[in-house]
Protein backbone atom coordinates (compact mmCIF):
# COMPACT_ATOMS: atom_id res chain seq x y z
CA MET A 1 82.40 85.91 77.84
CA THR A 2 84.01 85.55 81.24
CA VAL A 3 83.12 89.16 82.07
CA LYS A 4 79.69 90.71 81.52
CA TYR A 5 79.35 94.41 80.69
CA GLU A 6 75.93 95.96 81.31
CA THR A 7 74.28 99.34 81.85
CA PRO A 8 71.67 98.86 84.61
CA GLU A 9 71.21 102.61 85.08
CA GLU A 10 71.90 105.65 82.98
CA ARG A 11 75.64 106.49 83.09
CA VAL A 12 76.36 103.45 85.28
CA VAL A 13 78.23 100.36 84.08
CA LEU A 14 78.04 97.00 85.86
CA ILE A 15 81.06 94.75 85.26
CA THR A 16 80.43 91.16 86.40
CA LEU A 17 83.07 88.47 86.76
CA ASN A 18 81.35 85.55 85.05
CA ARG A 19 82.82 82.14 85.85
CA PRO A 20 80.36 81.13 88.58
CA ASP A 21 81.17 77.42 88.28
CA LYS A 22 84.75 78.32 89.28
CA LEU A 23 83.68 80.91 91.88
CA ASN A 24 84.82 83.55 89.40
CA ALA A 25 88.47 82.53 89.71
CA PHE A 26 90.69 84.36 87.23
CA ASN A 27 92.07 82.52 84.22
CA ALA A 28 93.82 84.07 81.21
CA GLU A 29 90.55 84.74 79.39
CA MET A 30 89.00 86.49 82.37
CA ARG A 31 92.06 88.65 82.86
CA ALA A 32 91.91 89.73 79.21
CA ASP A 33 88.15 90.32 79.35
CA MET A 34 88.54 92.34 82.55
CA ILE A 35 91.19 94.55 80.94
CA ASP A 36 88.84 95.20 78.01
CA ALA A 37 85.83 95.93 80.24
CA VAL A 38 87.63 98.33 82.57
CA HIS A 39 89.24 100.23 79.70
CA ARG A 40 85.90 100.41 77.88
CA ALA A 41 84.20 101.95 80.92
CA SER A 42 87.11 104.31 81.51
CA LEU A 43 87.09 105.66 77.95
CA ASP A 44 83.31 106.00 77.56
CA ASP A 45 82.38 109.64 78.25
CA ASP A 46 78.77 108.63 78.88
CA VAL A 47 79.83 106.50 81.85
CA ARG A 48 80.23 108.31 85.16
CA ALA A 49 80.40 105.44 87.66
CA VAL A 50 81.28 101.75 87.60
CA VAL A 51 80.26 98.77 89.74
CA VAL A 52 82.28 95.53 89.82
CA THR A 53 80.75 92.29 91.16
CA GLY A 54 80.75 88.53 90.73
CA GLU A 55 78.18 86.19 89.22
CA GLY A 56 76.66 83.60 91.53
CA ARG A 57 77.69 83.07 95.12
CA ALA A 58 81.22 84.51 95.05
CA PHE A 59 82.89 87.78 94.17
CA SER A 60 86.08 85.96 93.20
CA ALA A 61 88.00 83.04 94.68
CA GLY A 62 91.23 84.52 93.31
CA ALA A 63 93.44 83.00 90.65
CA ASP A 64 92.41 79.72 89.07
CA VAL A 65 95.38 77.63 90.18
CA SER A 66 94.10 74.65 88.17
CA VAL A 67 95.18 76.37 84.96
CA VAL A 68 98.55 77.78 86.02
CA SER A 69 100.82 77.67 82.99
CA GLU A 70 104.58 77.64 82.84
CA LYS A 71 104.48 79.33 79.45
CA TYR A 72 104.61 82.78 81.05
CA SER A 73 106.27 83.84 84.28
CA ILE A 74 104.00 84.83 87.16
CA GLU A 75 105.82 88.17 87.30
CA ASP A 76 104.85 88.92 83.70
CA ILE A 77 101.23 87.88 84.32
CA LEU A 78 100.97 90.02 87.45
CA ASN A 79 102.48 93.10 85.83
CA ALA A 80 101.02 92.86 82.33
CA GLU A 81 97.60 91.32 82.99
CA TYR A 82 96.44 91.78 86.58
CA GLY A 83 98.38 95.01 86.80
CA ALA A 84 96.68 96.33 83.68
CA PHE A 85 93.12 96.21 84.94
CA LEU A 86 93.95 96.97 88.59
CA SER A 87 95.89 100.08 87.56
CA ALA A 88 93.07 101.09 85.22
CA ILE A 89 90.61 100.89 88.12
CA GLN A 90 92.90 103.09 90.21
CA THR A 91 93.50 105.68 87.51
CA MET A 92 90.19 105.92 85.66
CA PRO A 93 88.57 109.31 86.34
CA LYS A 94 85.37 107.71 87.66
CA PRO A 95 84.39 106.14 90.98
CA VAL A 96 84.49 102.34 90.97
CA ILE A 97 82.38 100.49 93.55
CA ALA A 98 83.03 96.85 94.44
CA ALA A 99 79.79 94.97 95.15
CA VAL A 100 81.24 92.14 97.23
CA ASN A 101 78.40 89.65 96.90
CA GLY A 102 80.31 86.69 98.34
CA PRO A 103 83.82 85.49 99.19
CA ALA A 104 86.66 87.64 97.84
CA ALA A 105 89.93 85.76 98.25
CA GLY A 106 93.46 86.20 96.97
CA ILE A 107 93.55 88.41 93.89
CA GLY A 108 89.77 88.63 94.27
CA MET A 109 90.30 90.45 97.57
CA THR A 110 92.89 92.64 95.89
CA THR A 111 90.41 93.51 93.15
CA ALA A 112 87.70 94.44 95.66
CA LEU A 113 90.01 96.63 97.74
CA THR A 114 91.51 98.29 94.67
CA CYS A 115 88.10 99.77 93.90
CA ASP A 116 87.37 103.20 95.36
CA LEU A 117 84.36 102.12 97.43
CA GLN A 118 83.01 98.80 98.67
CA VAL A 119 79.54 97.45 99.45
CA MET A 120 79.69 94.03 101.12
CA ALA A 121 77.03 91.39 101.67
CA GLU A 122 76.58 90.50 105.32
CA ASP A 123 77.54 86.85 104.76
CA ALA A 124 80.52 87.60 102.48
CA TYR A 125 84.13 87.58 103.60
CA LEU A 126 87.57 88.76 102.53
CA MET A 127 90.57 86.46 102.68
CA SER A 128 94.24 86.95 101.89
CA ALA A 129 94.57 83.28 101.00
CA PHE A 130 98.07 83.41 99.52
CA ALA A 131 99.85 81.93 102.56
CA ASN A 132 97.73 78.80 102.29
CA ILE A 133 99.50 77.89 99.05
CA GLY A 134 102.92 79.21 99.97
CA LEU A 135 102.65 82.58 98.27
CA VAL A 136 102.80 86.24 99.26
CA PRO A 137 100.00 88.77 98.63
CA ASP A 138 100.16 90.24 95.14
CA GLY A 139 98.46 92.70 92.84
CA GLY A 140 99.24 95.47 95.35
CA LEU A 141 97.45 93.88 98.33
CA SER A 142 100.43 94.44 100.63
CA PHE A 143 100.21 98.17 99.91
CA LEU A 144 96.42 98.33 100.19
CA LEU A 145 96.22 96.48 103.50
CA THR A 146 99.14 98.33 105.08
CA GLN A 147 97.62 101.67 104.08
CA GLN A 148 94.15 100.80 105.36
CA ILE A 149 94.68 98.80 108.53
CA GLY A 150 98.36 99.25 109.45
CA TYR A 151 101.36 96.97 109.32
CA ALA A 152 100.65 94.67 112.27
CA ARG A 153 97.11 93.75 111.28
CA ALA A 154 98.02 93.51 107.61
CA TYR A 155 100.95 91.21 108.30
CA GLN A 156 98.88 88.99 110.58
CA LEU A 157 96.10 88.65 108.02
CA ALA A 158 98.61 87.83 105.30
CA ILE A 159 100.49 85.10 107.16
CA GLU A 160 97.47 83.50 108.84
CA ALA A 161 95.11 83.71 105.83
CA GLU A 162 92.23 84.43 108.16
CA LYS A 163 88.72 85.09 106.87
CA ILE A 164 87.56 88.65 107.53
CA ASP A 165 83.81 88.70 107.95
CA SER A 166 81.70 91.67 106.94
CA ALA A 167 81.36 93.07 110.46
CA ARG A 168 85.11 93.20 110.97
CA ALA A 169 85.73 94.47 107.44
CA LEU A 170 83.37 97.38 108.17
CA GLU A 171 84.87 98.02 111.61
CA TRP A 172 88.40 98.13 110.17
CA GLY A 173 87.42 100.40 107.29
CA LEU A 174 88.07 97.85 104.54
CA VAL A 175 84.54 98.36 103.22
CA ASN A 176 82.11 101.28 103.31
CA ARG A 177 78.78 99.49 103.69
CA VAL A 178 77.40 96.11 104.73
CA VAL A 179 73.96 95.21 103.41
CA ALA A 180 71.63 92.23 103.43
CA THR A 181 72.65 89.32 101.27
CA GLY A 182 70.96 89.66 97.90
CA ASP A 183 70.84 93.45 98.07
CA VAL A 184 74.50 94.15 97.49
CA VAL A 185 74.43 94.75 93.72
CA ASP A 186 71.25 96.85 93.81
CA ASN A 187 72.69 98.92 96.65
CA ALA A 188 75.98 99.46 94.82
CA VAL A 189 74.22 100.37 91.56
CA ALA A 190 71.95 102.84 93.38
CA TRP A 191 74.99 104.39 95.05
CA ALA A 192 76.76 104.62 91.69
CA ARG A 193 73.67 106.24 90.16
CA SER A 194 73.66 108.88 92.92
CA LEU A 195 77.32 109.63 92.23
CA THR A 196 76.56 110.32 88.56
CA GLU A 197 74.64 113.39 89.69
CA ARG A 198 77.75 114.91 91.24
CA ALA A 199 80.27 117.05 89.38
CA PRO A 200 82.30 114.57 87.28
CA LEU A 201 85.42 116.71 87.09
CA ALA A 202 85.42 117.20 90.85
CA LEU A 203 84.94 113.46 91.39
CA ALA A 204 87.77 112.67 88.98
CA ASN A 205 90.17 115.17 90.52
CA THR A 206 89.25 114.16 94.07
CA LYS A 207 90.00 110.54 93.20
CA ARG A 208 93.27 111.52 91.56
CA THR A 209 94.23 113.65 94.55
CA PHE A 210 93.43 111.02 97.16
CA ARG A 211 95.20 108.29 95.20
CA ALA A 212 98.27 110.52 94.99
CA ALA A 213 98.05 111.37 98.69
CA ALA A 214 98.12 107.69 99.64
CA GLN A 215 101.49 107.37 97.96
CA ALA A 216 103.04 110.70 98.97
CA GLY A 217 104.08 112.61 102.05
CA LEU A 218 101.87 115.32 103.53
CA ARG A 219 103.67 118.23 101.90
CA ASN A 220 103.60 116.58 98.48
CA ALA A 221 99.92 115.81 98.92
CA MET A 222 99.16 119.43 99.84
CA ALA A 223 101.08 120.70 96.80
CA TYR A 224 99.30 118.26 94.50
CA GLU A 225 95.90 119.24 95.90
CA ALA A 226 96.70 122.91 95.30
CA MET A 227 97.72 122.26 91.70
CA VAL A 228 94.56 120.30 90.93
CA GLN A 229 92.32 122.78 92.73
CA ARG A 230 93.72 125.61 90.61
CA GLY A 231 92.17 124.03 87.54
CA ASN A 232 89.02 122.77 89.23
CA ILE A 233 87.97 126.17 90.55
CA LYS A 234 87.81 127.50 86.98
CA THR A 235 85.33 124.89 85.73
CA ASP A 236 81.72 125.53 84.77
CA ASP A 237 80.69 122.82 87.22
CA CYS A 238 82.30 124.71 90.09
CA ALA A 239 80.51 127.90 89.09
CA GLU A 240 77.24 126.00 88.81
CA GLY A 241 77.73 124.37 92.21
CA VAL A 242 78.37 127.73 93.90
CA MET A 243 75.39 129.32 92.13
CA ALA A 244 73.11 126.43 93.10
CA LEU A 245 74.24 126.74 96.70
CA PHE A 246 73.25 130.40 96.82
CA GLU A 247 70.01 129.74 94.96
CA LYS A 248 69.20 126.79 97.24
CA ARG A 249 68.59 124.35 94.38
CA LYS A 250 70.04 121.12 93.08
CA PRO A 251 73.05 121.78 90.81
CA ALA A 252 73.00 120.58 87.18
CA PHE A 253 76.57 119.47 86.54
CA LYS A 254 77.67 118.97 82.93
CA GLY A 255 81.27 117.82 83.28
CA LYS A 256 82.77 121.04 81.94
C-alpha cells in the first residue's frame, strides 16, 4: 500500500504517505489510496482526530512527474483525484493535523496546508515548486496561500519557488508548531489525542464555521455562525460543558 492507516492512540488515526524511495511523491495509486484512507477516517465514528505524515525523510515531494500519463487530462486528475481527498480533509467533521516531518513541495505543500493544523520539524521546509517546471500552484494552493499570508507574499513564493524554512513558516502562520526533528509525529499524535477529549460536535461545527468564514464575507460568516450555534447550544455536550464549568471538573463529552 502506498498509504498506511494506523491507530497509534485511541480515537486517533495516523495516515502515512508511503513511497519513501520517491520522497512520497504522488502517483495514481497513492492518490487512490489517499482518497480511501481519508474517507475511511471521516466515516468512522470512533475516530475523532486524524494525523497525516510522510514515511522516511520527506512529507511529500509533490506529484511524481516521472509517471505523468497522457491518458487522462491534468484537469480531470486534479478535480477527481487530488480534489477528492483534499476536499474530504477540508470537510470531514474532525480536526486533521499535518505532521510535516520533512520537505513538503508542490501538491505535498498543498496537502499539508489543507489540513486544519500543522506541526513541522525544525529542519523541514515548504516549497511551492510549480514554477520550477513551468506550472502554476494547484490543488487550491493559490487560495490557501493568499488567505494565510496575503497576495504579495503568496505571489512571490509561487513565482520564485523559494524554500520556506520552519522558522519562517511559523512566523508567517503557515504552521502552528515547530518541534525537534524526529519528534514531529509523536507531537502531532499527542496533540490529536488531546483534541479527542474535547466536544466532538463543537469541534466539527467550529471547523465547518471557520472553513465557511474563509470563503465568505463578514456578514455571511456571522449569519452562518449564528445558524450553527443555534443547534450546538442544544446538545448534551454543551450542557455537560457548562455543568462541568460550574462544578470545576473535567467535562465528559459524548458527541451528542
